[in-house]
Protein backbone atom coordinates (compact mmCIF):
# COMPACT_ATOMS: atom_id res chain seq x y z
CA MET A 1 30.11 1.68 -1.48
CA GLN A 2 26.50 1.37 -2.23
CA TYR A 3 23.55 3.23 -0.76
CA ALA A 4 20.20 1.98 0.54
CA LEU A 5 17.24 4.29 0.10
CA THR A 6 14.04 5.15 1.85
CA ALA A 7 10.97 5.23 -0.23
CA ALA A 8 11.06 8.98 -0.39
CA GLU A 9 14.76 8.98 -1.42
CA ALA A 10 13.99 6.47 -4.19
CA LEU A 11 11.10 8.58 -5.40
CA ARG A 12 13.20 11.70 -5.42
CA ALA A 13 15.91 10.01 -7.46
CA GLU A 14 13.38 9.03 -10.12
CA GLN A 15 11.73 12.37 -10.16
CA GLU A 16 15.01 14.19 -10.51
CA ALA A 17 16.10 11.81 -13.30
CA ILE A 18 12.75 12.52 -15.11
CA ALA A 19 12.96 16.18 -14.51
CA HIS A 20 16.42 16.41 -16.02
CA GLY A 21 15.38 14.40 -19.11
CA ALA A 22 17.53 11.33 -18.28
CA VAL A 23 14.53 9.00 -18.50
CA THR A 24 10.72 8.96 -18.57
CA LEU A 25 8.39 7.37 -16.07
CA GLU A 26 7.09 5.09 -18.78
CA THR A 27 10.54 3.89 -19.58
CA LEU A 28 11.31 3.24 -15.90
CA MET A 29 8.01 1.27 -15.67
CA ASP A 30 8.80 -0.72 -18.79
CA ARG A 31 12.28 -1.62 -17.51
CA ALA A 32 11.00 -2.55 -14.07
CA GLY A 33 8.39 -4.83 -15.55
CA ASP A 34 11.05 -6.36 -17.85
CA ALA A 35 13.31 -7.09 -14.81
CA LEU A 36 10.41 -8.74 -13.05
CA ALA A 37 9.45 -10.78 -16.15
CA GLU A 38 13.02 -12.01 -16.67
CA THR A 39 13.33 -12.98 -13.00
CA ILE A 40 10.18 -15.07 -13.25
CA LEU A 41 11.29 -16.73 -16.46
CA ASP A 42 14.61 -17.62 -14.89
CA ALA A 43 12.94 -18.96 -11.65
CA ALA A 44 10.19 -20.86 -13.33
CA PRO A 45 10.59 -21.85 -16.97
CA SER A 46 7.08 -23.29 -16.99
CA GLY A 47 3.82 -23.21 -15.22
CA PRO A 48 1.02 -20.75 -14.68
CA ILE A 49 1.76 -17.35 -13.28
CA ALA A 50 -0.45 -14.97 -11.17
CA VAL A 51 0.25 -11.24 -10.88
CA LEU A 52 -1.47 -9.41 -8.00
CA THR A 53 -1.61 -5.61 -8.50
CA GLY A 54 -2.77 -2.69 -6.41
CA LYS A 55 -3.37 0.90 -7.61
CA GLY A 56 0.01 2.69 -7.67
CA ASN A 57 3.01 2.63 -9.97
CA ASN A 58 4.05 -0.71 -8.53
CA ALA A 59 0.83 -2.03 -10.13
CA GLY A 60 2.07 -0.61 -13.50
CA ASP A 61 5.24 -2.61 -13.07
CA GLY A 62 3.16 -5.72 -12.50
CA TRP A 63 1.00 -5.11 -15.51
CA VAL A 64 4.12 -4.63 -17.72
CA ALA A 65 5.58 -7.89 -16.43
CA ALA A 66 2.21 -9.61 -17.12
CA ARG A 67 2.23 -8.39 -20.75
CA LEU A 68 5.80 -9.45 -21.38
CA LEU A 69 5.21 -12.90 -19.87
CA HIS A 70 2.07 -13.29 -21.97
CA GLU A 71 4.08 -12.36 -25.06
CA GLN A 72 6.53 -15.08 -24.15
CA GLY A 73 3.62 -17.57 -24.38
CA ARG A 74 3.24 -18.02 -20.56
CA ASP A 75 -0.10 -18.71 -18.88
CA VAL A 76 -0.48 -15.51 -16.92
CA ARG A 77 -3.46 -13.91 -15.16
CA VAL A 78 -3.68 -10.58 -13.34
CA PHE A 79 -5.69 -10.39 -10.11
CA ALA A 80 -6.27 -6.66 -9.94
CA LEU A 81 -7.37 -5.27 -6.63
CA ALA A 82 -7.83 -1.97 -8.43
CA SER A 83 -9.21 -2.44 -11.99
CA PRO A 84 -7.34 -0.84 -14.94
CA SER A 85 -9.95 1.96 -15.16
CA ALA A 86 -9.10 2.95 -11.58
CA LEU A 87 -5.46 3.54 -12.28
CA SER A 88 -3.90 6.69 -13.55
CA GLY A 89 -0.90 7.94 -15.45
CA ALA A 90 1.79 5.43 -16.61
CA ALA A 91 0.23 2.63 -14.60
CA LYS A 92 -3.11 3.00 -16.47
CA THR A 93 -1.31 2.97 -19.73
CA ALA A 94 0.59 -0.15 -18.84
CA ALA A 95 -2.65 -1.93 -17.75
CA ARG A 96 -4.44 -0.99 -21.01
CA ALA A 97 -1.50 -2.24 -23.11
CA ALA A 98 -1.63 -5.52 -21.25
CA VAL A 99 -5.34 -5.94 -21.64
CA ASP A 100 -5.16 -4.98 -25.36
CA ARG A 101 -2.58 -7.70 -25.88
CA GLY A 102 -4.99 -10.29 -24.37
CA VAL A 103 -3.68 -10.61 -20.85
CA ALA A 104 -6.37 -12.28 -18.79
CA TRP A 105 -7.42 -10.30 -15.62
CA SER A 106 -10.06 -10.14 -12.99
CA THR A 107 -10.95 -8.40 -9.78
CA PRO A 108 -11.52 -10.94 -7.04
CA ASP A 109 -14.96 -10.85 -5.57
CA SER A 110 -13.72 -12.16 -2.21
CA ALA A 111 -10.77 -13.53 -0.34
CA LEU A 112 -12.09 -17.06 -1.11
CA ASP A 113 -12.32 -16.18 -4.83
CA LEU A 114 -8.69 -15.02 -4.91
CA ALA A 115 -7.50 -18.02 -2.97
CA HIS A 116 -9.29 -20.30 -5.44
CA GLY A 117 -7.64 -18.40 -8.32
CA LEU A 118 -4.13 -19.02 -6.91
CA LEU A 119 -4.66 -22.81 -6.79
CA GLY A 120 -2.10 -24.57 -8.94
CA VAL A 121 -0.13 -21.41 -9.70
CA THR A 122 3.64 -21.84 -10.04
CA VAL A 123 4.66 -18.27 -9.48
CA ILE A 124 3.01 -15.25 -7.84
CA LEU A 125 4.21 -11.71 -8.63
CA ASP A 126 3.44 -9.46 -5.65
CA ALA A 127 2.87 -6.05 -7.20
CA LEU A 128 0.45 -4.78 -4.63
CA PHE A 129 2.37 -1.97 -2.79
CA GLY A 130 6.06 -1.76 -3.52
CA SER A 131 7.96 0.75 -1.49
CA GLY A 132 4.94 2.93 -0.71
CA PHE A 133 3.58 0.62 2.06
CA ARG A 134 2.98 2.03 5.48
CA GLY A 135 1.25 0.74 8.63
CA THR A 136 -1.05 -2.28 8.34
CA ALA A 137 -2.64 -3.54 5.16
CA ALA A 138 -6.41 -2.87 5.10
CA GLU A 139 -8.87 -5.03 3.17
CA PRO A 140 -8.87 -6.28 0.53
CA TYR A 141 -5.10 -6.12 0.62
CA ALA A 142 -4.76 -7.95 3.85
CA SER A 143 -6.57 -10.90 2.49
CA ALA A 144 -4.53 -10.79 -0.70
CA ILE A 145 -1.35 -11.01 1.31
CA THR A 146 -2.75 -13.86 3.29
CA ALA A 147 -3.71 -15.64 0.11
CA ILE A 148 -0.17 -15.29 -1.24
CA GLU A 149 1.16 -16.68 2.15
CA ASP A 150 -1.21 -19.58 2.02
CA SER A 151 -0.22 -20.57 -1.55
CA ASP A 152 2.59 -22.95 -2.30
CA ALA A 153 3.77 -20.84 -5.22
CA PHE A 154 7.24 -19.33 -5.69
CA VAL A 155 6.82 -15.67 -4.81
CA VAL A 156 8.60 -12.73 -6.58
CA ALA A 157 8.05 -9.30 -4.93
CA ALA A 158 8.19 -6.07 -6.89
CA ASP A 159 10.51 -3.60 -5.18
CA MET A 160 9.34 -4.61 -1.65
CA PRO A 161 7.33 -7.51 -0.21
CA SER A 162 3.91 -6.20 0.62
CA GLY A 163 3.37 -5.49 4.29
CA VAL A 164 7.01 -4.51 4.95
CA HIS A 165 7.75 -0.82 5.70
CA ALA A 166 10.39 0.13 3.21
CA ASP A 167 12.13 2.64 5.38
CA THR A 168 12.26 0.78 8.70
CA ALA A 169 11.69 -2.89 7.91
CA VAL A 170 8.85 -2.87 10.47
CA VAL A 171 6.10 -5.42 9.97
CA VAL A 172 2.92 -4.92 11.99
CA GLY A 173 0.41 -6.98 10.05
CA PRO A 174 0.23 -9.60 7.35
CA ALA A 175 3.26 -9.50 5.09
CA VAL A 176 4.46 -11.38 2.03
CA ASN A 177 7.45 -13.72 2.44
CA ALA A 178 9.08 -13.51 -1.00
CA ASN A 179 11.52 -16.04 -2.47
CA ILE A 180 13.05 -13.21 -4.53
CA THR A 181 12.59 -9.49 -4.26
CA VAL A 182 13.52 -7.46 -7.35
CA THR A 183 14.12 -3.93 -6.19
CA PHE A 184 14.82 -1.04 -8.45
CA SER A 185 17.90 1.30 -8.75
CA ALA A 186 19.06 0.64 -5.11
CA PRO A 187 18.18 -1.57 -2.18
CA LYS A 188 15.49 -0.23 0.09
CA ILE A 189 16.39 -0.04 3.77
CA GLY A 190 13.48 -2.28 4.66
CA LEU A 191 15.11 -5.12 2.72
CA LEU A 192 18.21 -5.00 4.73
CA LEU A 193 17.10 -4.68 8.37
CA GLU A 194 15.00 -7.15 10.34
CA PRO A 195 12.27 -8.31 10.31
CA GLY A 196 12.01 -7.03 6.63
CA ALA A 197 15.13 -8.87 5.54
CA SER A 198 13.59 -12.19 6.46
CA HIS A 199 10.59 -11.43 4.23
CA ALA A 200 12.71 -10.42 1.21
CA GLY A 201 14.38 -13.66 0.17
CA GLU A 202 17.09 -13.24 -2.36
CA ILE A 203 17.47 -9.52 -3.28
CA ILE A 204 18.10 -8.59 -6.88
CA VAL A 205 19.02 -4.83 -7.49
CA SER A 206 17.78 -3.95 -11.04
CA ASP A 207 19.21 -0.94 -12.76
CA ILE A 208 16.27 0.51 -14.58
CA GLY A 209 18.08 3.58 -15.88
CA VAL A 210 18.10 6.12 -13.02
CA PRO A 211 21.58 7.62 -13.26
CA GLY A 212 23.81 7.00 -10.23
CA VAL A 213 24.21 10.72 -9.60
CA TYR A 214 20.58 10.73 -8.47
CA VAL A 215 20.83 7.52 -6.43
CA ASP A 216 24.16 7.65 -4.67
CA ARG A 217 23.80 10.47 -2.18
CA ALA A 218 25.74 11.29 0.95
CA GLY A 219 23.51 10.98 3.97
CA CYS A 220 21.71 7.87 2.72
CA LEU A 221 22.33 4.53 4.49
CA GLU A 222 25.66 3.16 3.36
CA ILE A 223 26.46 -0.45 2.39
CA TRP A 224 30.19 -1.10 2.33
CA ASP A 225 31.95 -3.71 0.28
CA ARG A 226 35.26 -5.45 1.10
CA GLY A 227 37.23 -2.76 -0.68
CA ASP A 228 35.75 -0.10 1.59
CA TYR A 229 36.82 -2.11 4.67
CA ARG A 230 40.16 -2.99 3.17
CA GLY A 231 40.93 0.67 2.83
CA LEU A 232 40.62 1.21 6.55
CA MET A 233 42.49 -1.88 7.85
CA PRO A 234 45.64 -0.88 9.69
CA VAL A 235 48.34 -3.09 8.22
CA PRO A 236 51.74 -3.45 9.97
CA VAL A 237 54.76 -1.90 8.19
CA PRO A 238 58.42 -2.77 8.56
CA GLY A 239 59.20 0.08 10.92
CA ASP A 240 56.53 -0.83 13.42
CA HIS A 241 57.14 -1.74 17.03
CA LYS A 242 54.85 -2.43 20.04
CA GLY A 243 54.38 1.23 20.68
CA THR A 244 53.24 2.05 17.19
CA ARG A 245 50.64 -0.71 16.95
CA GLY A 246 48.36 0.81 19.52
CA ARG A 247 48.34 0.61 23.33
CA VAL A 248 44.84 -0.35 24.61
CA LEU A 249 43.69 -0.37 28.28
CA THR A 250 40.65 -2.50 29.08
CA VAL A 251 38.75 -1.60 32.21
CA THR A 252 36.54 -4.55 32.70
CA GLY A 253 35.48 -7.51 34.74
CA SER A 254 34.52 -8.35 38.32
CA ARG A 255 34.61 -11.39 40.51
CA ALA A 256 31.31 -12.58 39.04
CA PHE A 257 32.25 -11.78 35.41
CA ALA A 258 36.01 -12.47 35.09
CA GLY A 259 35.38 -13.89 31.64
CA ALA A 260 34.25 -10.55 30.32
CA ALA A 261 37.82 -9.22 31.12
CA VAL A 262 39.40 -12.10 29.22
CA LEU A 263 37.22 -11.80 26.19
CA THR A 264 37.60 -8.05 25.80
CA ALA A 265 41.36 -8.17 26.15
CA ARG A 266 41.48 -11.13 23.74
CA GLY A 267 39.47 -9.18 21.12
CA ALA A 268 41.91 -6.20 21.42
CA SER A 269 44.94 -8.49 21.13
CA ARG A 270 43.69 -10.40 18.13
CA MET A 271 42.74 -7.19 16.27
CA GLY A 272 46.46 -6.38 16.37
CA ALA A 273 47.25 -4.07 19.33
CA GLY A 274 50.84 -3.66 20.21
CA TYR A 275 50.07 -3.60 23.97
CA VAL A 276 47.02 -4.67 25.83
CA PHE A 277 46.71 -3.66 29.50
CA ALA A 278 43.93 -5.16 31.61
CA ALA A 279 42.86 -3.14 34.70
CA VAL A 280 40.81 -5.51 36.73
CA PRO A 281 39.70 -5.97 40.33
CA ALA A 282 42.48 -7.60 42.30
CA SER A 283 40.79 -10.85 42.89
CA ILE A 284 40.56 -11.78 39.18
CA VAL A 285 44.06 -10.82 38.14
CA PRO A 286 45.23 -14.49 38.34
CA THR A 287 42.34 -15.55 36.09
CA VAL A 288 43.22 -13.01 33.43
CA GLN A 289 46.95 -13.66 33.62
CA SER A 290 46.53 -17.39 33.22
CA ALA A 291 44.15 -16.96 30.24
CA LEU A 292 46.24 -14.26 28.52
CA PRO A 293 49.92 -14.39 29.33
CA HIS A 294 50.66 -11.66 26.77
CA VAL A 295 48.30 -9.14 28.46
CA ILE A 296 49.69 -6.82 31.14
CA CYS A 297 47.44 -6.92 34.14
CA HIS A 298 46.96 -4.08 36.63
CA SER A 299 45.41 -4.93 39.98
CA MET A 300 42.79 -2.49 41.04
CA ALA A 301 41.20 -1.77 44.34
CA GLU A 302 37.92 -3.67 44.72
CA THR A 303 34.78 -3.69 46.75
CA LEU A 304 33.69 -6.52 49.04
CA GLU A 305 31.70 -7.77 46.02
CA GLY A 306 34.72 -7.93 43.82
CA THR A 307 33.96 -4.96 41.69
CA LEU A 308 36.03 -1.84 40.96
CA ALA A 309 36.12 0.33 44.10
CA ARG A 310 35.89 4.10 44.26
CA ALA A 311 39.63 4.11 45.18
CA ALA A 312 40.56 2.70 41.78
CA ALA A 313 39.52 5.87 39.91
CA ASP A 314 42.79 7.85 40.23
CA ALA A 315 44.95 4.90 39.32
CA LEU A 316 42.82 4.23 36.26
CA LEU A 317 42.90 7.86 35.16
CA GLU A 318 46.75 7.69 35.41
CA LEU A 319 46.90 4.47 33.30
CA ALA A 320 44.52 5.99 30.76
CA ALA A 321 46.81 8.97 30.24
CA HIS A 322 49.55 6.67 28.91
CA VAL A 323 47.57 4.55 26.37
CA ASP A 324 46.04 5.24 22.91
CA ALA A 325 42.46 3.99 23.71
CA VAL A 326 40.56 2.70 26.68
CA VAL A 327 37.72 0.11 26.56
CA VAL A 328 35.30 0.42 29.56
CA GLY A 329 32.33 -1.68 30.59
CA PRO A 330 32.14 -5.43 30.04
CA GLY A 331 31.56 -7.33 33.26
CA LEU A 332 31.91 -4.28 35.56
CA THR A 333 28.43 -4.52 37.28
CA LEU A 334 26.43 -1.59 38.50
CA HIS A 335 27.79 -1.51 42.05
CA PRO A 336 27.44 2.07 43.22
CA GLU A 337 31.26 2.50 43.68
CA THR A 338 31.87 1.12 40.19
CA VAL A 339 29.42 3.42 38.58
CA GLU A 340 31.23 6.38 40.20
CA VAL A 341 34.53 5.05 38.66
CA VAL A 342 32.98 4.81 35.24
CA ARG A 343 31.40 8.26 35.33
CA ARG A 344 34.79 9.80 36.29
CA LEU A 345 36.57 7.93 33.50
CA VAL A 346 34.12 9.20 30.90
CA ALA A 347 34.18 12.77 32.17
CA GLU A 348 37.90 13.13 32.74
CA THR A 349 39.62 10.79 30.32
CA ARG A 350 41.05 12.67 27.25
CA VAL A 351 41.97 9.64 25.15
CA PRO A 352 39.66 7.60 22.80
CA LEU A 353 37.02 5.55 24.59
CA VAL A 354 34.89 2.59 23.76
CA LEU A 355 31.86 2.41 26.14
CA ASP A 356 30.11 -0.91 26.23
CA ALA A 357 27.58 -2.73 28.59
CA ASP A 358 27.87 -1.48 32.18
CA ALA A 359 29.78 1.64 31.09
CA LEU A 360 26.60 2.65 29.31
CA ASN A 361 24.32 1.29 32.03
CA ALA A 362 26.18 3.59 34.51
CA PHE A 363 24.45 6.60 32.82
CA ASP A 364 20.87 5.30 32.80
CA ALA A 365 19.99 7.52 35.82
CA ILE A 366 21.51 10.75 34.58
CA GLY A 367 21.28 10.39 30.79
CA PRO A 368 23.89 10.51 28.00
CA ALA A 369 24.87 14.20 28.08
CA VAL A 370 28.27 13.57 29.52
CA ILE A 371 29.05 10.92 26.83
CA LEU A 372 27.88 13.11 24.00
CA SER A 373 29.89 16.10 25.20
CA ARG A 374 33.13 14.25 25.03
CA SER A 375 35.81 15.96 22.99
CA ALA A 376 37.92 12.88 22.41
CA PRO A 377 36.94 10.04 20.02
CA THR A 378 34.30 7.85 21.53
CA VAL A 379 32.42 4.75 20.41
CA VAL A 380 29.33 3.57 22.24
CA THR A 381 28.13 0.00 21.59
CA PRO A 382 24.57 -0.37 23.13
CA HIS A 383 22.10 -3.18 22.38
CA PRO A 384 18.50 -2.01 21.83
CA GLY A 385 17.57 -2.26 25.50
CA GLU A 386 20.58 -0.25 26.65
CA LEU A 387 19.92 2.48 24.07
CA ALA A 388 16.32 2.52 25.12
CA ARG A 389 17.21 3.18 28.69
CA LEU A 390 19.79 5.86 27.81
CA LEU A 391 17.24 7.67 25.56
CA ASP A 392 14.32 7.15 27.97
CA ARG A 393 12.38 5.25 25.25
CA SER A 394 11.02 1.81 24.87
CA THR A 395 12.94 -0.97 23.14
CA LEU A 396 10.08 -1.12 20.67
CA ASP A 397 10.72 2.53 19.74
CA ILE A 398 14.38 1.79 19.22
CA GLN A 399 13.66 -1.22 16.97
CA ALA A 400 11.01 0.68 14.98
CA ASP A 401 13.66 2.92 13.52
CA ARG A 402 17.10 1.65 14.25
CA ILE A 403 18.91 4.18 12.06
CA ALA A 404 17.41 7.16 13.61
CA SER A 405 17.83 5.67 17.11
CA ALA A 406 21.43 5.10 16.63
CA ALA A 407 21.91 8.63 15.36
CA MET A 408 20.40 10.02 18.55
CA LEU A 409 23.40 8.73 20.49
CA SER A 410 26.01 10.00 18.04
CA GLY A 411 27.40 13.43 17.12
CA GLY A 412 30.56 15.39 17.49
CA GLN A 413 33.22 12.86 18.42
CA VAL A 414 30.75 10.04 19.25
CA ALA A 415 29.78 7.17 17.03
CA CYS A 416 27.06 4.79 18.04
CA LEU A 417 27.10 1.12 17.14
CA LEU A 418 23.64 -0.35 17.63
CA LYS A 419 23.84 -4.11 18.02
CA GLY A 420 21.41 -6.56 16.66
CA ALA A 421 20.54 -8.28 13.48
CA ARG A 422 22.15 -6.04 10.85
CA THR A 423 24.16 -3.80 13.19
CA ILE A 424 23.92 -0.04 12.47
CA VAL A 425 26.79 2.34 12.93
CA ALA A 426 25.96 6.10 13.10
CA GLY A 427 28.25 9.02 13.28
CA ASP A 428 29.59 12.01 11.35
CA GLY A 429 26.07 12.46 10.00
CA ARG A 430 26.38 9.10 8.33
CA ALA A 431 25.12 5.58 8.89
CA VAL A 432 26.30 2.16 7.65
CA VAL A 433 24.65 -1.19 7.88
CA THR A 434 26.81 -4.28 8.71
CA MET A 435 26.01 -7.05 6.23
CA ALA A 436 27.80 -9.74 8.33
CA GLY A 437 26.90 -11.70 11.45
CA ASN A 438 24.31 -14.43 12.12
CA PRO A 439 21.94 -15.54 14.88
CA GLY A 440 24.57 -17.91 16.34
CA MET A 441 26.32 -14.78 17.69
CA ALA A 442 23.41 -14.11 20.05
CA THR A 443 25.38 -15.44 23.04
CA ALA A 444 26.93 -14.05 26.13
CA GLY A 445 30.35 -12.35 25.70
CA MET A 446 30.21 -11.63 21.87
CA GLY A 447 29.92 -7.89 22.56
CA ASP A 448 32.94 -7.98 24.96
CA VAL A 449 35.12 -9.27 22.00
CA LEU A 450 33.78 -6.63 19.76
CA ALA A 451 34.49 -3.81 22.23
CA GLY A 452 38.08 -4.98 22.49
CA MET A 453 38.46 -5.04 18.72
CA ILE A 454 37.15 -1.55 18.29
CA GLY A 455 39.42 -0.27 21.03
CA THR A 456 42.43 -1.47 19.01
CA LEU A 457 41.13 0.22 15.91
CA LEU A 458 40.71 3.49 17.78
CA ALA A 459 44.17 3.05 19.29
CA GLN A 460 45.62 2.67 15.81
CA GLY A 461 44.07 6.02 14.68
CA LEU A 462 40.81 5.26 13.06
CA SER A 463 37.89 7.70 13.54
CA PRO A 464 35.06 6.62 15.77
CA TYR A 465 32.79 5.97 12.76
CA ASP A 466 35.40 4.02 10.88
CA ALA A 467 36.53 2.04 13.82
CA ALA A 468 33.00 0.93 14.76
CA ALA A 469 32.09 0.07 11.25
CA LEU A 470 35.31 -1.93 10.49
CA GLY A 471 35.14 -3.61 13.95
CA ALA A 472 31.41 -4.58 13.48
CA TYR A 473 32.11 -6.05 10.04
CA MET A 474 35.21 -8.05 11.04
CA HIS A 475 33.42 -9.34 14.19
CA GLY A 476 30.42 -10.38 12.17
CA ARG A 477 32.47 -11.91 9.48
CA ALA A 478 34.51 -13.94 11.90
CA GLY A 479 31.21 -15.04 13.45
CA ASP A 480 29.99 -16.19 9.90
CA LEU A 481 33.16 -18.13 9.32
CA GLY A 482 32.82 -19.67 12.83
CA ALA A 483 29.22 -20.65 12.21
CA ASP A 484 30.23 -22.24 8.85
CA GLU A 485 32.58 -24.57 10.72
CA LEU A 486 31.02 -24.89 14.17
CA THR A 487 27.32 -24.31 13.28
CA GLN A 488 25.27 -21.48 14.59
CA ILE A 489 24.23 -23.64 17.52
CA CYS A 490 27.63 -24.37 18.81
CA LEU A 491 29.33 -20.98 18.21
CA THR A 492 30.44 -19.12 21.34
CA ALA A 493 32.21 -15.86 22.10
CA ASP A 494 35.32 -17.75 22.98
CA ASP A 495 35.53 -18.92 19.42
CA ILE A 496 35.43 -15.48 17.56
CA ASP A 497 39.09 -14.50 17.84
CA GLY A 498 40.10 -17.86 16.33
CA PHE A 499 38.24 -16.96 13.10
CA LEU A 500 39.31 -13.33 12.93
CA PRO A 501 42.53 -14.11 11.02
CA GLN A 502 40.45 -15.80 8.20
CA ALA A 503 38.27 -12.72 8.16
CA VAL A 504 41.35 -10.47 7.88
CA HIS A 505 42.65 -12.66 5.01
CA GLU A 506 39.37 -12.17 3.19
CA VAL A 507 39.28 -8.43 3.54
CA LEU A 508 42.94 -7.94 2.63
CA GLY A 509 42.71 -10.34 -0.29
CA VAL A 510 45.61 -12.43 0.84
C-alpha cells in the first residue's frame, strides 16, 4: 500500500523529518532538484532548457535543477518571476548558488517577453508553484502558465503542474499540461484525481530522503497494489459448496429496465457467488430466466407500470432473511410504491446491503439518515449527482472534493463508493482511490454489474470497505482489459463479466 498526500500532509512529513534530524531542508531541495535534472536529461539529451520559477521552495528546486543542468553543459536559462533577491531561506541559497555558477536568468518584463524567451526551447521545467497552489493563478503567473501551454516544448512539472490544486485536483484557471510530473516523497492527491490527473502526464515519485515513517500515515488517501487486492480475494477451497460461496439476492429491474436486473445478477454470478436469486417484477421473469438460466428467479407483485408493488415488500423481507447479502436498486424506477418497498428493505433488513441507483434515489426526499443508521454492513454506490442530491449539495460541490464528499456518506457500518474517473471508496475512517477504469466504461449498465459484484463480496464475508474497494478495482480492471480488446468506443456493460476472469488471473498471479 502506498499513500497519497495533501500539500499539508507532505509539508508535515518534511517538517517532522527535519525536526527529528533525519534530513535538512537544503538536502531535500538538492535531492529534488537532482531528480528534476535527471528526468530532463533522460527525456531530452540535447536542446535548450527553460526553467520557470516562482517564489517558494518549489522555486528552489527549480534553481537547483538549473544549476545541475548547467554543470552538465546544457543550455539552460531561468525565467524567474521572483528574482533571487526576493527569495528566502534555502530557496534563496539555491538561487544564489546557481547564479554564482553562471546560470543565465532574467525576470520577464511581460507575457510577450516570456513567450519570446521560450521560442525554440526543447524542455520547460515548471517550478512556479508546486503543491502550494490554491485558487486561480494571478498575474504574472497566469501569463506564465499560458506561455508554457502555448509552447511546443516538452514540459516537466516540479511536484505539481502549476494551476492544479494539490489536494482536490480542481482546476479553475489556466493550468500546465505536463508531459512528466516529478513529485517528491509520495504522490499528491491532485495528481491522481480528475481533472488534475489529465494535467500530470507520467508521474514519477522521487524519494528525496523523507523516511517512510513520516510519509505513510493511516488516514491519508490509500493507493493499493495488486498484493493488497490479492489478500482480500475470496478463493474457493476444497470443502466449499454452493451455500458457502455466498447467497446473493438482487432486488432490481422493472418492465422498462429489465436489462438492469440481468446485468446485476450477472455481476454477482461472475464474481463467484454460490447462489444468485433475482427478485424482479413478474412481467420480466421470463427475460431474466432466459438470459441467466443459472439464476433463481422470484416473481414479485408489480404495479401497472411494471415496477415493484407495495405488496412485494413482505415477500422480499422474507427472502432477504435467508441470504448473505442483498443488492437493491438498479432499474427499479422511482414509482411511489417501489420507493416504499426500498425504504422498508433498508430500514428492516438485517443482512448486508448494496444500495445503488434508485435505491439511493428513493431517499432524496428524506435524506440518508436511515441508511447511515444501519447496523448491518452496507455499501452505497452513488455517482456524483446521486450523492449531491442525498447530501443536498451541488454536483460541483461533490466533485470539488470527492474524498471528503464520499466520507460524508460513510460511517459505522456504511462504506461509500463514489463513482467517476478514479473512483473513491470511503469507510472505517479510511479512503482508497481506484487506479483502474477508463472513459469507455461511461455507458449505461456498468454500475449494475459493479453492484452485483460487490454484493457477492459482501456475501462472502468482506467488510463494506474491503468489498467496495476490491469490487471497484476488479470492475475497473475488467473494463481496462475489455477496452484493450474492444476499444473504449465499443465497450459495453454487457462485456464486463467476460473480462473479469482475466482480471482475477492478474490479481491472483495465476
